[in-house]
Amino acid sequence: MSNFEKTALNDEQMNKVTGGTMVPRPTESGDTLQSFCDKINAQNNWNVKPEQLITWNNLPAGTDKDAPLPAATVLKVYF
């Protein structure tokens, strides 16, 4: 059996990750990037931020985290 030490990545390190597990998640009516993050973080004990969703999904840099998203938009979420 191998002995590996697990280390949590900080936000700067996470933004540089090019691999990992991607989970496509559809939005619901009325979701914003912020409410979407709040929901998936509560469900999965993750720490996803709107800025990460913007990067991971190639959204424009100035995307408003509080603007409603179209229902059934599928966002990529990495963990």
PDB file of N, CA and C in Angstrom:
ATOM      1  N   MET A   1       0.840  -1.170   0.000  1.00  0.00           N
ATOM      2  CA  MET A   1       0.000   0.000   0.000  1.00  0.00           C
ATOM      3  C   MET A   1       0.891   1.241   0.000  1.00  0.00           C
ATOM      4  N   SER A   2       0.555   2.225  -0.828  1.00  0.00           N
ATOM      5  CA  SER A   2       1.332   3.460  -0.911  1.00  0.00           C
ATOM      6  C   SER A   2       0.945   4.402   0.213  1.00  0.00           C
ATOM      7  N   ASN A   3       1.875   5.248   0.599  1.00  0.00           N
ATOM      8  CA  ASN A   3       1.629   6.220   1.648  1.00  0.00           C
ATOM      9  C   ASN A   3       1.710   7.605   1.025  1.00  0.00           C
ATOM     10  N   PHE A   4       0.562   8.194   0.686  1.00  0.00           N
ATOM     11  CA  PHE A   4       0.508   9.510   0.076  1.00  0.00           C
ATOM     12  C   PHE A   4      -0.048  10.513   1.066  1.00  0.00           C
ATOM     13  N   GLU A   5       0.477  11.716   1.028  1.00  0.00           N
ATOM     14  CA  GLU A   5      -0.041  12.784   1.864  1.00  0.00           C
ATOM     15  C   GLU A   5      -0.950  13.660   1.013  1.00  0.00           C
ATOM     16  N   LYS A   6      -2.147  13.910   1.491  1.00  0.00           N
ATOM     17  CA  LYS A   6      -3.087  14.759   0.766  1.00  0.00           C
ATOM     18  C   LYS A   6      -2.891  16.207   1.206  1.00  0.00           C
ATOM     19  N   THR A   7      -2.933  17.110   0.245  1.00  0.00           N
ATOM     20  CA  THR A   7      -2.783  18.521   0.517  1.00  0.00           C
ATOM     21  C   THR A   7      -3.887  19.280  -0.207  1.00  0.00           C
ATOM     22  N   ALA A   8      -4.575  20.136   0.509  1.00  0.00           N
ATOM     23  CA  ALA A   8      -5.608  20.975  -0.112  1.00  0.00           C
ATOM     24  C   ALA A   8      -4.935  22.068  -0.924  1.00  0.00           C
ATOM     25  N   LEU A   9      -5.503  22.367  -2.097  1.00  0.00           N
ATOM     26  CA  LEU A   9      -4.973  23.423  -2.950  1.00  0.00           C
ATOM     27  C   LEU A   9      -5.649  24.743  -2.619  1.00  0.00           C
ATOM     28  N   ASN A  10      -4.875  25.819  -2.629  1.00  0.00           N
ATOM     29  CA  ASN A  10      -5.483  27.134  -2.440  1.00  0.00           C
ATOM     30  C   ASN A  10      -6.068  27.610  -3.774  1.00  0.00           C
ATOM     31  N   ASP A  11      -6.750  28.742  -3.762  1.00  0.00           N
ATOM     32  CA  ASP A  11      -7.439  29.231  -4.965  1.00  0.00           C
ATOM     33  C   ASP A  11      -6.471  29.449  -6.129  1.00  0.00           C
ATOM     34  N   GLU A  12      -5.302  30.015  -5.857  1.00  0.00           N
ATOM     35  CA  GLU A  12      -4.344  30.264  -6.932  1.00  0.00           C
ATOM     36  C   GLU A  12      -3.896  28.957  -7.579  1.00  0.00           C
ATOM     37  N   GLN A  13      -3.651  27.939  -6.765  1.00  0.00           N
ATOM     38  CA  GLN A  13      -3.247  26.638  -7.286  1.00  0.00           C
ATOM     39  C   GLN A  13      -4.389  25.991  -8.069  1.00  0.00           C
ATOM     40  N   MET A  14      -5.615  26.100  -7.553  1.00  0.00           N
ATOM     41  CA  MET A  14      -6.774  25.505  -8.234  1.00  0.00           C
ATOM     42  C   MET A  14      -6.991  26.123  -9.606  1.00  0.00           C
ATOM     43  N   ASN A  15      -6.751  27.416  -9.722  1.00  0.00           N
ATOM     44  CA  ASN A  15      -6.944  28.083 -11.005  1.00  0.00           C
ATOM     45  C   ASN A  15      -5.949  27.615 -12.061  1.00  0.00           C
ATOM     46  N   LYS A  16      -4.856  26.983 -11.629  1.00  0.00           N
ATOM     47  CA  LYS A  16      -3.846  26.486 -12.553  1.00  0.00           C
ATOM     48  C   LYS A  16      -4.060  25.017 -12.916  1.00  0.00           C
ATOM     49  N   VAL A  17      -5.012  24.379 -12.290  1.00  0.00           N
ATOM     50  CA  VAL A  17      -5.266  22.966 -12.540  1.00  0.00           C
ATOM     51  C   VAL A  17      -5.843  22.784 -13.931  1.00  0.00           C
ATOM     52  N   THR A  18      -5.272  21.866 -14.695  1.00  0.00           N
ATOM     53  CA  THR A  18      -5.774  21.596 -16.036  1.00  0.00           C
ATOM     54  C   THR A  18      -6.414  20.217 -16.120  1.00  0.00           C
ATOM     55  N   GLY A  19      -6.349  19.471 -15.067  1.00  0.00           N
ATOM     56  CA  GLY A  19      -6.950  18.146 -15.037  1.00  0.00           C
ATOM     57  C   GLY A  19      -7.909  18.060 -13.871  1.00  0.00           C
ATOM     58  N   GLY A  20      -8.179  16.868 -13.427  1.00  0.00           N
ATOM     59  CA  GLY A  20      -9.086  16.693 -12.304  1.00  0.00           C
ATOM     60  C   GLY A  20     -10.418  16.152 -12.772  1.00  0.00           C
ATOM     61  N   THR A  21     -11.360  16.177 -11.888  1.00  0.00           N
ATOM     62  CA  THR A  21     -12.684  15.660 -12.202  1.00  0.00           C
ATOM     63  C   THR A  21     -13.624  16.810 -12.514  1.00  0.00           C
ATOM     64  N   MET A  22     -14.280  16.741 -13.659  1.00  0.00           N
ATOM     65  CA  MET A  22     -15.238  17.758 -14.059  1.00  0.00           C
ATOM     66  C   MET A  22     -16.630  17.159 -13.976  1.00  0.00           C
ATOM     67  N   VAL A  23     -17.509  17.894 -13.338  1.00  0.00           N
ATOM     68  CA  VAL A  23     -18.893  17.460 -13.223  1.00  0.00           C
ATOM     69  C   VAL A  23     -19.770  18.501 -13.915  1.00  0.00           C
ATOM     70  N   PRO A  24     -20.473  18.131 -14.993  1.00  0.00           N
ATOM     71  CA  PRO A  24     -21.390  19.089 -15.611  1.00  0.00           C
ATOM     72  C   PRO A  24     -22.631  19.221 -14.745  1.00  0.00           C
ATOM     73  N   ARG A  25     -23.012  20.444 -14.425  1.00  0.00           N
ATOM     74  CA  ARG A  25     -24.172  20.686 -13.574  1.00  0.00           C
ATOM     75  C   ARG A  25     -25.127  21.659 -14.267  1.00  0.00           C
ATOM     76  N   PRO A  26     -26.392  21.276 -14.455  1.00  0.00           N
ATOM     77  CA  PRO A  26     -27.353  22.201 -15.065  1.00  0.00           C
ATOM     78  C   PRO A  26     -27.865  23.220 -14.051  1.00  0.00           C
ATOM     79  N   THR A  27     -28.127  24.421 -14.533  1.00  0.00           N
ATOM     80  CA  THR A  27     -28.715  25.445 -13.680  1.00  0.00           C
ATOM     81  C   THR A  27     -30.235  25.286 -13.679  1.00  0.00           C
ATOM     82  N   GLU A  28     -30.858  25.917 -12.698  1.00  0.00           N
ATOM     83  CA  GLU A  28     -32.316  25.929 -12.606  1.00  0.00           C
ATOM     84  C   GLU A  28     -32.804  27.353 -12.834  1.00  0.00           C
ATOM     85  N   SER A  29     -34.062  27.496 -13.105  1.00  0.00           N
ATOM     86  CA  SER A  29     -34.652  28.811 -13.330  1.00  0.00           C
ATOM     87  C   SER A  29     -34.369  29.724 -12.142  1.00  0.00           C
ATOM     88  N   GLY A  30     -33.867  30.920 -12.421  1.00  0.00           N
ATOM     89  CA  GLY A  30     -33.587  31.892 -11.375  1.00  0.00           C
ATOM     90  C   GLY A  30     -32.191  31.811 -10.798  1.00  0.00           C
ATOM     91  N   ASP A  31     -31.413  30.787 -11.170  1.00  0.00           N
ATOM     92  CA  ASP A  31     -30.041  30.664 -10.660  1.00  0.00           C
ATOM     93  C   ASP A  31     -29.165  31.808 -11.162  1.00  0.00           C
ATOM     94  N   THR A  32     -28.274  32.249 -10.305  1.00  0.00           N
ATOM     95  CA  THR A  32     -27.182  33.147 -10.675  1.00  0.00           C
ATOM     96  C   THR A  32     -25.895  32.364 -10.418  1.00  0.00           C
ATOM     97  N   LEU A  33     -24.771  32.890 -10.842  1.00  0.00           N
ATOM     98  CA  LEU A  33     -23.518  32.196 -10.544  1.00  0.00           C
ATOM     99  C   LEU A  33     -23.341  32.057  -9.031  1.00  0.00           C
ATOM    100  N   GLN A  34     -23.693  33.120  -8.294  1.00  0.00           N
ATOM    101  CA  GLN A  34     -23.534  33.079  -6.844  1.00  0.00           C
ATOM    102  C   GLN A  34     -24.474  32.060  -6.198  1.00  0.00           C
ATOM    103  N   SER A  35     -25.743  32.069  -6.587  1.00  0.00           N
ATOM    104  CA  SER A  35     -26.681  31.122  -5.973  1.00  0.00           C
ATOM    105  C   SER A  35     -26.353  29.682  -6.386  1.00  0.00           C
ATOM    106  N   PHE A  36     -25.867  29.510  -7.606  1.00  0.00           N
ATOM    107  CA  PHE A  36     -25.445  28.188  -8.080  1.00  0.00           C
ATOM    108  C   PHE A  36     -24.294  27.681  -7.214  1.00  0.00           C
ATOM    109  N   CYS A  37     -23.303  28.539  -6.959  1.00  0.00           N
ATOM    110  CA  CYS A  37     -22.172  28.157  -6.098  1.00  0.00           C
ATOM    111  C   CYS A  37     -22.655  27.826  -4.693  1.00  0.00           C
ATOM    112  N   ASP A  38     -23.514  28.671  -4.147  1.00  0.00           N
ATOM    113  CA  ASP A  38     -24.027  28.436  -2.797  1.00  0.00           C
ATOM    114  C   ASP A  38     -24.700  27.072  -2.701  1.00  0.00           C
ATOM    115  N   LYS A  39     -25.473  26.741  -3.724  1.00  0.00           N
ATOM    116  CA  LYS A  39     -26.215  25.475  -3.720  1.00  0.00           C
ATOM    117  C   LYS A  39     -25.279  24.267  -3.821  1.00  0.00           C
ATOM    118  N   ILE A  40     -24.353  24.279  -4.791  1.00  0.00           N
ATOM    119  CA  ILE A  40     -23.490  23.104  -4.943  1.00  0.00           C
ATOM    120  C   ILE A  40     -22.491  22.990  -3.793  1.00  0.00           C
ATOM    121  N   ASN A  41     -22.089  24.119  -3.213  1.00  0.00           N
ATOM    122  CA  ASN A  41     -21.189  24.067  -2.068  1.00  0.00           C
ATOM    123  C   ASN A  41     -21.885  23.442  -0.865  1.00  0.00           C
ATOM    124  N   ALA A  42     -23.147  23.784  -0.656  1.00  0.00           N
ATOM    125  CA  ALA A  42     -23.907  23.221   0.466  1.00  0.00           C
ATOM    126  C   ALA A  42     -24.162  21.730   0.261  1.00  0.00           C
ATOM    127  N   GLN A  43     -24.427  21.328  -0.966  1.00  0.00           N
ATOM    128  CA  GLN A  43     -24.732  19.925  -1.263  1.00  0.00           C
ATOM    129  C   GLN A  43     -23.502  19.031  -1.179  1.00  0.00           C
ATOM    130  N   ASN A  44     -22.349  19.563  -1.533  1.00  0.00           N
ATOM    131  CA  ASN A  44     -21.152  18.731  -1.696  1.00  0.00           C
ATOM    132  C   ASN A  44     -19.993  19.095  -0.782  1.00  0.00           C
ATOM    133  N   ASN A  45     -20.177  20.109   0.057  1.00  0.00           N
ATOM    134  CA  ASN A  45     -19.095  20.582   0.922  1.00  0.00           C
ATOM    135  C   ASN A  45     -17.874  20.997   0.093  1.00  0.00           C
ATOM    136  N   TRP A  46     -18.134  21.656  -1.039  1.00  0.00           N
ATOM    137  CA  TRP A  46     -17.073  22.189  -1.891  1.00  0.00           C
ATOM    138  C   TRP A  46     -16.899  23.657  -1.561  1.00  0.00           C
ATOM    139  N   ASN A  47     -15.965  24.302  -2.218  1.00  0.00           N
ATOM    140  CA  ASN A  47     -15.724  25.728  -2.015  1.00  0.00           C
ATOM    141  C   ASN A  47     -15.584  26.414  -3.378  1.00  0.00           C
ATOM    142  N   VAL A  48     -16.567  26.196  -4.243  1.00  0.00           N
ATOM    143  CA  VAL A  48     -16.552  26.768  -5.593  1.00  0.00           C
ATOM    144  C   VAL A  48     -16.990  28.227  -5.516  1.00  0.00           C
ATOM    145  N   LYS A  49     -16.263  29.080  -6.229  1.00  0.00           N
ATOM    146  CA  LYS A  49     -16.569  30.510  -6.264  1.00  0.00           C
ATOM    147  C   LYS A  49     -17.013  30.902  -7.671  1.00  0.00           C
ATOM    148  N   PRO A  50     -17.846  31.954  -7.780  1.00  0.00           N
ATOM    149  CA  PRO A  50     -18.290  32.406  -9.102  1.00  0.00           C
ATOM    150  C   PRO A  50     -17.133  32.687 -10.061  1.00  0.00           C
ATOM    151  N   GLU A  51     -16.040  33.230  -9.543  1.00  0.00           N
ATOM    152  CA  GLU A  51     -14.885  33.542 -10.383  1.00  0.00           C
ATOM    153  C   GLU A  51     -14.297  32.273 -11.008  1.00  0.00           C
ATOM    154  N   GLN A  52     -14.346  31.172 -10.277  1.00  0.00           N
ATOM    155  CA  GLN A  52     -13.858  29.905 -10.830  1.00  0.00           C
ATOM    156  C   GLN A  52     -14.784  29.423 -11.943  1.00  0.00           C
ATOM    157  N   LEU A  53     -16.096  29.540 -11.737  1.00  0.00           N
ATOM    158  CA  LEU A  53     -17.042  29.135 -12.785  1.00  0.00           C
ATOM    159  C   LEU A  53     -16.827  29.953 -14.052  1.00  0.00           C
ATOM    160  N   ILE A  54     -16.541  31.233 -13.876  1.00  0.00           N
ATOM    161  CA  ILE A  54     -16.293  32.101 -15.031  1.00  0.00           C
ATOM    162  C   ILE A  54     -15.081  31.587 -15.807  1.00  0.00           C
ATOM    163  N   THR A  55     -14.010  31.245 -15.096  1.00  0.00           N
ATOM    164  CA  THR A  55     -12.799  30.734 -15.736  1.00  0.00           C
ATOM    165  C   THR A  55     -13.036  29.370 -16.369  1.00  0.00           C
ATOM    166  N   TRP A  56     -13.585  28.435 -15.605  1.00  0.00           N
ATOM    167  CA  TRP A  56     -13.775  27.069 -16.073  1.00  0.00           C
ATOM    168  C   TRP A  56     -14.706  26.976 -17.278  1.00  0.00           C
ATOM    169  N   ASN A  57     -15.649  27.915 -17.389  1.00  0.00           N
ATOM    170  CA  ASN A  57     -16.651  27.856 -18.449  1.00  0.00           C
ATOM    171  C   ASN A  57     -16.412  28.887 -19.544  1.00  0.00           C
ATOM    172  N   ASN A  58     -15.229  29.512 -19.526  1.00  0.00           N
ATOM    173  CA  ASN A  58     -14.854  30.497 -20.553  1.00  0.00           C
ATOM    174  C   ASN A  58     -15.895  31.598 -20.715  1.00  0.00           C
ATOM    175  N   LEU A  59     -16.448  32.057 -19.584  1.00  0.00           N
ATOM    176  CA  LEU A  59     -17.405  33.157 -19.613  1.00  0.00           C
ATOM    177  C   LEU A  59     -16.633  34.466 -19.672  1.00  0.00           C
ATOM    178  N   PRO A  60     -17.238  35.536 -20.206  1.00  0.00           N
ATOM    179  CA  PRO A  60     -16.532  36.821 -20.250  1.00  0.00           C
ATOM    180  C   PRO A  60     -16.090  37.257 -18.855  1.00  0.00           C
ATOM    181  N   ALA A  61     -14.920  37.867 -18.760  1.00  0.00           N
ATOM    182  CA  ALA A  61     -14.339  38.266 -17.475  1.00  0.00           C
ATOM    183  C   ALA A  61     -15.268  39.159 -16.657  1.00  0.00           C
ATOM    184  N   GLY A  62     -16.065  39.969 -17.297  1.00  0.00           N
ATOM    185  CA  GLY A  62     -16.947  40.888 -16.580  1.00  0.00           C
ATOM    186  C   GLY A  62     -18.314  40.320 -16.260  1.00  0.00           C
ATOM    187  N   THR A  63     -18.489  39.006 -16.365  1.00  0.00           N
ATOM    188  CA  THR A  63     -19.787  38.387 -16.110  1.00  0.00           C
ATOM    189  C   THR A  63     -20.251  38.702 -14.693  1.00  0.00           C
ATOM    190  N   ASP A  64     -21.488  39.174 -14.572  1.00  0.00           N
ATOM    191  CA  ASP A  64     -22.074  39.534 -13.274  1.00  0.00           C
ATOM    192  C   ASP A  64     -22.481  38.269 -12.532  1.00  0.00           C
ATOM    193  N   LYS A  65     -21.907  38.039 -11.350  1.00  0.00           N
ATOM    194  CA  LYS A  65     -22.200  36.829 -10.583  1.00  0.00           C
ATOM    195  C   LYS A  65     -23.626  36.801 -10.049  1.00  0.00           C
ATOM    196  N   ASP A  66     -24.314  37.950 -10.082  1.00  0.00           N
ATOM    197  CA  ASP A  66     -25.681  38.023  -9.572  1.00  0.00           C
ATOM    198  C   ASP A  66     -26.731  38.140 -10.676  1.00  0.00           C
ATOM    199  N   ALA A  67     -26.312  38.037 -11.932  1.00  0.00           N
ATOM    200  CA  ALA A  67     -27.251  38.090 -13.050  1.00  0.00           C
ATOM    201  C   ALA A  67     -27.882  36.709 -13.256  1.00  0.00           C
ATOM    202  N   PRO A  68     -29.186  36.654 -13.532  1.00  0.00           N
ATOM    203  CA  PRO A  68     -29.832  35.351 -13.769  1.00  0.00           C
ATOM    204  C   PRO A  68     -29.215  34.629 -14.966  1.00  0.00           C
ATOM    205  N   LEU A  69     -29.044  33.319 -14.811  1.00  0.00           N
ATOM    206  CA  LEU A  69     -28.540  32.472 -15.893  1.00  0.00           C
ATOM    207  C   LEU A  69     -29.719  31.826 -16.601  1.00  0.00           C
ATOM    208  N   PRO A  70     -29.596  31.538 -17.892  1.00  0.00           N
ATOM    209  CA  PRO A  70     -30.664  30.808 -18.563  1.00  0.00           C
ATOM    210  C   PRO A  70     -30.856  29.436 -17.915  1.00  0.00           C
ATOM    211  N   ALA A  71     -32.108  29.046 -17.721  1.00  0.00           N
ATOM    212  CA  ALA A  71     -32.402  27.729 -17.147  1.00  0.00           C
ATOM    213  C   ALA A  71     -31.790  26.645 -18.019  1.00  0.00           C
ATOM    214  N   ALA A  72     -31.336  25.597 -17.389  1.00  0.00           N
ATOM    215  CA  ALA A  72     -30.753  24.423 -18.049  1.00  0.00           C
ATOM    216  C   ALA A  72     -29.400  24.704 -18.694  1.00  0.00           C
ATOM    217  N   THR A  73     -28.758  25.844 -18.342  1.00  0.00           N
ATOM    218  CA  THR A  73     -27.382  26.062 -18.752  1.00  0.00           C
ATOM    219  C   THR A  73     -26.538  25.033 -18.016  1.00  0.00           C
ATOM    220  N   VAL A  74     -25.666  24.364 -18.713  1.00  0.00           N
ATOM    221  CA  VAL A  74     -24.811  23.358 -18.066  1.00  0.00           C
ATOM    222  C   VAL A  74     -23.448  23.992 -17.823  1.00  0.00           C
ATOM    223  N   LEU A  75     -23.062  24.062 -16.553  1.00  0.00           N
ATOM    224  CA  LEU A  75     -21.782  24.630 -16.170  1.00  0.00           C
ATOM    225  C   LEU A  75     -20.810  23.521 -15.775  1.00  0.00           C
ATOM    226  N   LYS A  76     -19.558  23.690 -16.163  1.00  0.00           N
ATOM    227  CA  LYS A  76     -18.508  22.764 -15.761  1.00  0.00           C
ATOM    228  C   LYS A  76     -18.053  23.140 -14.350  1.00  0.00           C
ATOM    229  N   VAL A  77     -17.986  22.136 -13.472  1.00  0.00           N
ATOM    230  CA  VAL A  77     -17.515  22.344 -12.105  1.00  0.00           C
ATOM    231  C   VAL A  77     -16.387  21.338 -11.862  1.00  0.00           C
ATOM    232  N   TYR A  78     -15.244  21.832 -11.446  1.00  0.00           N
ATOM    233  CA  TYR A  78     -14.087  20.974 -11.182  1.00  0.00           C
ATOM    234  C   TYR A  78     -13.895  20.807  -9.686  1.00  0.00           C
ATOM    235  N   PHE A  79     -13.466  19.623  -9.304  1.00  0.00           N
ATOM    236  CA  PHE A  79     -13.096  19.388  -7.897  1.00  0.00           C
ATOM    237  C   PHE A  79     -11.966  18.402  -7.842  1.00  0.00           C
TER     238      PHE A  79
END
